[in-house]
Amino acid sequence: SAPGSRAAALTTAPAAPAGSKEALARRLRARARDAESDRRWADAVAQWEVLVLLQPEEPAHRESLDAARRAALDVGTAHWKVAEAARTRRNPEAAVLAYLTVLAADPRHAGAAA
């Protein structure tokens, strides 16, 4: 196959059925809101990140992403303090549980991931 033929094939592929982007966006919004309701902030952040990429023209997606990131950071910070206090008290079980809670809220948390 010629080097440029794949790119040409990608640009000439038929468009997705009408409404599929909107249907996907509806499903992602519902998942993000469900995750927020359940306080699963990492999941909510992931859904909003995809929505921002899918529909960058929607400012509400960016606002919701920012709010979910703030919530994840707040939960992570609070549980980080609990984890550090448990570690200081030499209570490794409580510390591990709190560190895992930090990572559940914010998987990229540098301290908890270390």
N, C-alpha and C. Protein backbone atom coordinates (compact mmCIF):
# COMPACT_ATOMS: atom_id res chain seq x y z
N SER A 1 0.84 -1.18 0.00
CA SER A 1 0.00 0.00 0.00
C SER A 1 0.88 1.24 0.00
N ALA A 2 0.49 2.26 -0.71
CA ALA A 2 1.27 3.49 -0.82
C ALA A 2 1.26 4.23 0.50
N PRO A 3 2.36 4.94 0.84
CA PRO A 3 2.46 5.62 2.14
C PRO A 3 1.31 6.57 2.43
N GLY A 4 0.82 7.31 1.48
CA GLY A 4 -0.23 8.29 1.73
C GLY A 4 -1.63 7.74 1.60
N SER A 5 -1.78 6.46 1.19
CA SER A 5 -3.11 5.93 0.92
C SER A 5 -3.95 5.79 2.19
N ARG A 6 -3.32 5.47 3.31
CA ARG A 6 -4.09 5.34 4.56
C ARG A 6 -4.70 6.68 4.97
N ALA A 7 -3.90 7.75 4.89
CA ALA A 7 -4.42 9.08 5.23
C ALA A 7 -5.55 9.45 4.30
N ALA A 8 -5.42 9.11 3.03
CA ALA A 8 -6.48 9.43 2.08
C ALA A 8 -7.74 8.65 2.41
N ALA A 9 -7.56 7.38 2.79
CA ALA A 9 -8.72 6.57 3.15
C ALA A 9 -9.42 7.12 4.38
N LEU A 10 -8.64 7.63 5.33
CA LEU A 10 -9.24 8.18 6.54
C LEU A 10 -10.04 9.44 6.26
N THR A 11 -9.57 10.24 5.34
CA THR A 11 -10.27 11.49 5.05
C THR A 11 -11.49 11.27 4.17
N THR A 12 -11.56 10.13 3.48
CA THR A 12 -12.70 9.89 2.61
C THR A 12 -13.70 8.91 3.23
N ALA A 13 -13.46 8.51 4.47
CA ALA A 13 -14.39 7.59 5.14
C ALA A 13 -15.74 8.26 5.30
N PRO A 14 -16.81 7.48 5.23
CA PRO A 14 -18.15 8.08 5.39
C PRO A 14 -18.32 8.68 6.77
N ALA A 15 -19.09 9.73 6.83
CA ALA A 15 -19.34 10.41 8.11
C ALA A 15 -20.18 9.51 9.01
N ALA A 16 -20.04 9.74 10.31
CA ALA A 16 -20.84 8.99 11.29
C ALA A 16 -22.31 9.35 11.11
N PRO A 17 -23.19 8.43 11.47
CA PRO A 17 -24.63 8.72 11.34
C PRO A 17 -25.00 9.99 12.11
N ALA A 18 -25.94 10.72 11.55
CA ALA A 18 -26.39 11.95 12.20
C ALA A 18 -26.87 11.65 13.61
N GLY A 19 -26.46 12.47 14.55
CA GLY A 19 -26.91 12.31 15.92
C GLY A 19 -26.03 11.44 16.78
N SER A 20 -25.08 10.71 16.19
CA SER A 20 -24.28 9.81 17.01
C SER A 20 -23.37 10.57 17.97
N LYS A 21 -22.82 11.68 17.55
CA LYS A 21 -21.98 12.50 18.43
C LYS A 21 -22.82 13.03 19.60
N GLU A 22 -24.00 13.47 19.29
CA GLU A 22 -24.89 14.00 20.33
C GLU A 22 -25.33 12.89 21.29
N ALA A 23 -25.61 11.71 20.74
CA ALA A 23 -26.00 10.59 21.60
C ALA A 23 -24.86 10.19 22.52
N LEU A 24 -23.65 10.16 21.99
CA LEU A 24 -22.49 9.85 22.81
C LEU A 24 -22.31 10.91 23.89
N ALA A 25 -22.47 12.17 23.54
CA ALA A 25 -22.34 13.25 24.51
C ALA A 25 -23.39 13.11 25.62
N ARG A 26 -24.60 12.74 25.26
CA ARG A 26 -25.65 12.54 26.29
C ARG A 26 -25.26 11.42 27.25
N ARG A 27 -24.76 10.32 26.70
CA ARG A 27 -24.34 9.19 27.56
C ARG A 27 -23.19 9.59 28.48
N LEU A 28 -22.23 10.30 27.93
CA LEU A 28 -21.08 10.73 28.73
C LEU A 28 -21.49 11.70 29.83
N ARG A 29 -22.40 12.63 29.50
CA ARG A 29 -22.89 13.57 30.52
C ARG A 29 -23.60 12.83 31.64
N ALA A 30 -24.42 11.85 31.27
CA ALA A 30 -25.13 11.06 32.28
C ALA A 30 -24.14 10.30 33.16
N ARG A 31 -23.12 9.72 32.56
CA ARG A 31 -22.10 9.01 33.34
C ARG A 31 -21.34 9.96 34.26
N ALA A 32 -21.02 11.14 33.75
CA ALA A 32 -20.29 12.11 34.57
C ALA A 32 -21.14 12.55 35.75
N ARG A 33 -22.40 12.83 35.50
CA ARG A 33 -23.29 13.26 36.59
C ARG A 33 -23.52 12.15 37.61
N ASP A 34 -23.64 10.91 37.12
CA ASP A 34 -23.78 9.78 38.04
C ASP A 34 -22.53 9.65 38.91
N ALA A 35 -21.37 9.78 38.29
CA ALA A 35 -20.11 9.69 39.05
C ALA A 35 -20.03 10.81 40.08
N GLU A 36 -20.44 12.01 39.70
CA GLU A 36 -20.45 13.12 40.66
C GLU A 36 -21.40 12.83 41.82
N SER A 37 -22.58 12.32 41.50
CA SER A 37 -23.56 12.00 42.55
C SER A 37 -23.01 10.97 43.52
N ASP A 38 -22.23 10.03 42.98
CA ASP A 38 -21.63 8.97 43.80
C ASP A 38 -20.29 9.38 44.40
N ARG A 39 -19.88 10.63 44.15
CA ARG A 39 -18.60 11.16 44.64
C ARG A 39 -17.41 10.35 44.12
N ARG A 40 -17.54 9.83 42.89
CA ARG A 40 -16.44 9.14 42.22
C ARG A 40 -15.79 10.16 41.29
N TRP A 41 -14.95 11.01 41.92
CA TRP A 41 -14.44 12.18 41.22
C TRP A 41 -13.51 11.83 40.07
N ALA A 42 -12.69 10.81 40.20
CA ALA A 42 -11.79 10.44 39.10
C ALA A 42 -12.61 10.02 37.88
N ASP A 43 -13.68 9.27 38.09
CA ASP A 43 -14.54 8.86 36.98
C ASP A 43 -15.23 10.08 36.36
N ALA A 44 -15.70 10.98 37.19
CA ALA A 44 -16.34 12.19 36.67
C ALA A 44 -15.36 13.01 35.84
N VAL A 45 -14.16 13.17 36.35
CA VAL A 45 -13.13 13.92 35.60
C VAL A 45 -12.90 13.26 34.24
N ALA A 46 -12.76 11.95 34.21
CA ALA A 46 -12.51 11.25 32.95
C ALA A 46 -13.64 11.48 31.94
N GLN A 47 -14.88 11.41 32.40
CA GLN A 47 -16.02 11.62 31.49
C GLN A 47 -16.03 13.05 30.96
N TRP A 48 -15.80 14.03 31.85
CA TRP A 48 -15.81 15.43 31.40
C TRP A 48 -14.64 15.71 30.47
N GLU A 49 -13.49 15.07 30.69
CA GLU A 49 -12.36 15.26 29.78
C GLU A 49 -12.72 14.81 28.36
N VAL A 50 -13.38 13.68 28.25
CA VAL A 50 -13.79 13.20 26.93
C VAL A 50 -14.81 14.16 26.32
N LEU A 51 -15.73 14.64 27.13
CA LEU A 51 -16.73 15.58 26.61
C LEU A 51 -16.09 16.88 26.13
N VAL A 52 -15.09 17.37 26.83
CA VAL A 52 -14.39 18.59 26.39
C VAL A 52 -13.74 18.35 25.02
N LEU A 53 -13.18 17.17 24.83
CA LEU A 53 -12.57 16.85 23.53
C LEU A 53 -13.63 16.65 22.45
N LEU A 54 -14.74 16.03 22.82
CA LEU A 54 -15.80 15.73 21.87
C LEU A 54 -16.56 16.98 21.44
N GLN A 55 -16.81 17.86 22.40
CA GLN A 55 -17.57 19.08 22.11
C GLN A 55 -16.88 20.30 22.73
N PRO A 56 -15.73 20.68 22.17
CA PRO A 56 -14.99 21.81 22.75
C PRO A 56 -15.75 23.13 22.71
N GLU A 57 -16.78 23.20 21.89
CA GLU A 57 -17.56 24.44 21.79
C GLU A 57 -18.53 24.61 22.96
N GLU A 58 -18.64 23.61 23.82
CA GLU A 58 -19.56 23.67 24.96
C GLU A 58 -18.81 24.12 26.23
N PRO A 59 -18.95 25.39 26.62
CA PRO A 59 -18.24 25.87 27.81
C PRO A 59 -18.67 25.16 29.10
N ALA A 60 -19.89 24.65 29.14
CA ALA A 60 -20.37 23.97 30.34
C ALA A 60 -19.54 22.71 30.62
N HIS A 61 -19.04 22.07 29.58
CA HIS A 61 -18.20 20.88 29.78
C HIS A 61 -16.91 21.25 30.50
N ARG A 62 -16.28 22.33 30.07
CA ARG A 62 -15.03 22.77 30.69
C ARG A 62 -15.30 23.18 32.14
N GLU A 63 -16.41 23.88 32.37
CA GLU A 63 -16.75 24.30 33.74
C GLU A 63 -16.98 23.09 34.64
N SER A 64 -17.68 22.08 34.12
CA SER A 64 -17.93 20.87 34.90
C SER A 64 -16.65 20.10 35.14
N LEU A 65 -15.77 20.06 34.15
CA LEU A 65 -14.47 19.40 34.32
C LEU A 65 -13.67 20.09 35.41
N ASP A 66 -13.63 21.41 35.38
CA ASP A 66 -12.89 22.16 36.40
C ASP A 66 -13.47 21.90 37.79
N ALA A 67 -14.79 21.87 37.89
CA ALA A 67 -15.43 21.62 39.19
C ALA A 67 -15.13 20.21 39.70
N ALA A 68 -15.16 19.23 38.82
CA ALA A 68 -14.85 17.85 39.22
C ALA A 68 -13.40 17.73 39.64
N ARG A 69 -12.52 18.41 38.93
CA ARG A 69 -11.09 18.39 39.32
C ARG A 69 -10.88 19.02 40.69
N ARG A 70 -11.59 20.13 40.96
CA ARG A 70 -11.48 20.78 42.28
C ARG A 70 -11.99 19.85 43.37
N ALA A 71 -13.11 19.17 43.12
CA ALA A 71 -13.66 18.24 44.10
C ALA A 71 -12.69 17.09 44.35
N ALA A 72 -12.09 16.56 43.29
CA ALA A 72 -11.12 15.47 43.45
C ALA A 72 -9.92 15.94 44.26
N LEU A 73 -9.47 17.14 43.99
CA LEU A 73 -8.33 17.70 44.73
C LEU A 73 -8.69 17.90 46.20
N ASP A 74 -9.88 18.42 46.46
CA ASP A 74 -10.32 18.64 47.84
C ASP A 74 -10.40 17.33 48.62
N VAL A 75 -11.00 16.31 48.01
CA VAL A 75 -11.10 15.01 48.67
C VAL A 75 -9.72 14.42 48.86
N GLY A 76 -8.90 14.51 47.83
CA GLY A 76 -7.55 13.98 47.93
C GLY A 76 -6.74 14.66 49.02
N THR A 77 -6.85 15.97 49.11
CA THR A 77 -6.12 16.72 50.14
C THR A 77 -6.59 16.34 51.54
N ALA A 78 -7.89 16.25 51.71
CA ALA A 78 -8.43 15.89 53.02
C ALA A 78 -7.97 14.50 53.45
N HIS A 79 -8.04 13.55 52.56
CA HIS A 79 -7.65 12.18 52.91
C HIS A 79 -6.14 12.03 53.01
N TRP A 80 -5.39 12.86 52.29
CA TRP A 80 -3.93 12.86 52.43
C TRP A 80 -3.56 13.22 53.88
N LYS A 81 -4.24 14.22 54.41
CA LYS A 81 -3.98 14.63 55.79
C LYS A 81 -4.31 13.49 56.76
N VAL A 82 -5.42 12.81 56.52
CA VAL A 82 -5.80 11.67 57.35
C VAL A 82 -4.75 10.57 57.25
N ALA A 83 -4.28 10.30 56.05
CA ALA A 83 -3.27 9.26 55.84
C ALA A 83 -1.97 9.60 56.55
N GLU A 84 -1.54 10.83 56.43
CA GLU A 84 -0.29 11.24 57.08
C GLU A 84 -0.42 11.17 58.60
N ALA A 85 -1.57 11.56 59.12
CA ALA A 85 -1.78 11.49 60.57
C ALA A 85 -1.77 10.03 61.03
N ALA A 86 -2.39 9.14 60.26
CA ALA A 86 -2.40 7.72 60.62
C ALA A 86 -0.99 7.15 60.57
N ARG A 87 -0.22 7.56 59.59
CA ARG A 87 1.16 7.10 59.48
C ARG A 87 1.97 7.57 60.67
N THR A 88 1.77 8.82 61.07
CA THR A 88 2.47 9.38 62.22
C THR A 88 2.10 8.62 63.49
N ARG A 89 0.85 8.19 63.60
CA ARG A 89 0.40 7.42 64.76
C ARG A 89 0.81 5.95 64.66
N ARG A 90 1.52 5.60 63.60
CA ARG A 90 1.97 4.22 63.35
C ARG A 90 0.78 3.26 63.22
N ASN A 91 -0.21 3.73 62.45
CA ASN A 91 -1.39 2.92 62.17
C ASN A 91 -1.39 2.66 60.65
N PRO A 92 -0.61 1.66 60.21
CA PRO A 92 -0.46 1.45 58.77
C PRO A 92 -1.76 1.09 58.05
N GLU A 93 -2.66 0.36 58.71
CA GLU A 93 -3.91 -0.01 58.05
C GLU A 93 -4.75 1.23 57.73
N ALA A 94 -4.87 2.13 58.69
CA ALA A 94 -5.64 3.35 58.46
C ALA A 94 -4.95 4.23 57.41
N ALA A 95 -3.62 4.26 57.46
CA ALA A 95 -2.88 5.07 56.49
C ALA A 95 -3.09 4.55 55.08
N VAL A 96 -2.98 3.24 54.90
CA VAL A 96 -3.16 2.65 53.57
C VAL A 96 -4.57 2.92 53.06
N LEU A 97 -5.56 2.74 53.90
CA LEU A 97 -6.94 3.01 53.50
C LEU A 97 -7.11 4.47 53.05
N ALA A 98 -6.54 5.37 53.81
CA ALA A 98 -6.65 6.80 53.45
C ALA A 98 -5.89 7.10 52.16
N TYR A 99 -4.70 6.51 51.99
CA TYR A 99 -3.94 6.71 50.75
C TYR A 99 -4.73 6.18 49.55
N LEU A 100 -5.37 5.04 49.71
CA LEU A 100 -6.18 4.48 48.63
C LEU A 100 -7.38 5.38 48.32
N THR A 101 -7.94 6.00 49.34
CA THR A 101 -9.04 6.94 49.12
C THR A 101 -8.55 8.16 48.35
N VAL A 102 -7.34 8.61 48.66
CA VAL A 102 -6.73 9.71 47.91
C VAL A 102 -6.63 9.33 46.44
N LEU A 103 -6.09 8.14 46.18
CA LEU A 103 -5.90 7.70 44.79
C LEU A 103 -7.22 7.47 44.07
N ALA A 104 -8.24 7.05 44.79
CA ALA A 104 -9.55 6.88 44.16
C ALA A 104 -10.12 8.22 43.70
N ALA A 105 -9.86 9.25 44.48
CA ALA A 105 -10.34 10.59 44.12
C ALA A 105 -9.45 11.25 43.09
N ASP A 106 -8.14 11.03 43.22
CA ASP A 106 -7.16 11.71 42.37
C ASP A 106 -6.03 10.74 42.05
N PRO A 107 -6.18 9.92 41.00
CA PRO A 107 -5.18 8.91 40.67
C PRO A 107 -3.79 9.47 40.37
N ARG A 108 -3.72 10.76 40.08
CA ARG A 108 -2.42 11.37 39.76
C ARG A 108 -1.75 12.01 40.96
N HIS A 109 -2.33 11.83 42.14
CA HIS A 109 -1.78 12.45 43.35
C HIS A 109 -0.35 11.92 43.55
N ALA A 110 0.60 12.81 43.51
CA ALA A 110 2.02 12.42 43.54
C ALA A 110 2.40 11.73 44.84
N GLY A 111 1.97 12.23 45.97
CA GLY A 111 2.36 11.67 47.24
C GLY A 111 1.77 10.29 47.49
N ALA A 112 0.49 10.14 47.20
CA ALA A 112 -0.19 8.87 47.47
C ALA A 112 0.26 7.77 46.51
N ALA A 113 0.63 8.18 45.31
CA ALA A 113 1.06 7.19 44.31
C ALA A 113 2.48 6.69 44.57
N ALA A 114 3.23 7.41 45.39
CA ALA A 114 4.65 7.05 45.60
C ALA A 114 4.84 5.88 46.50
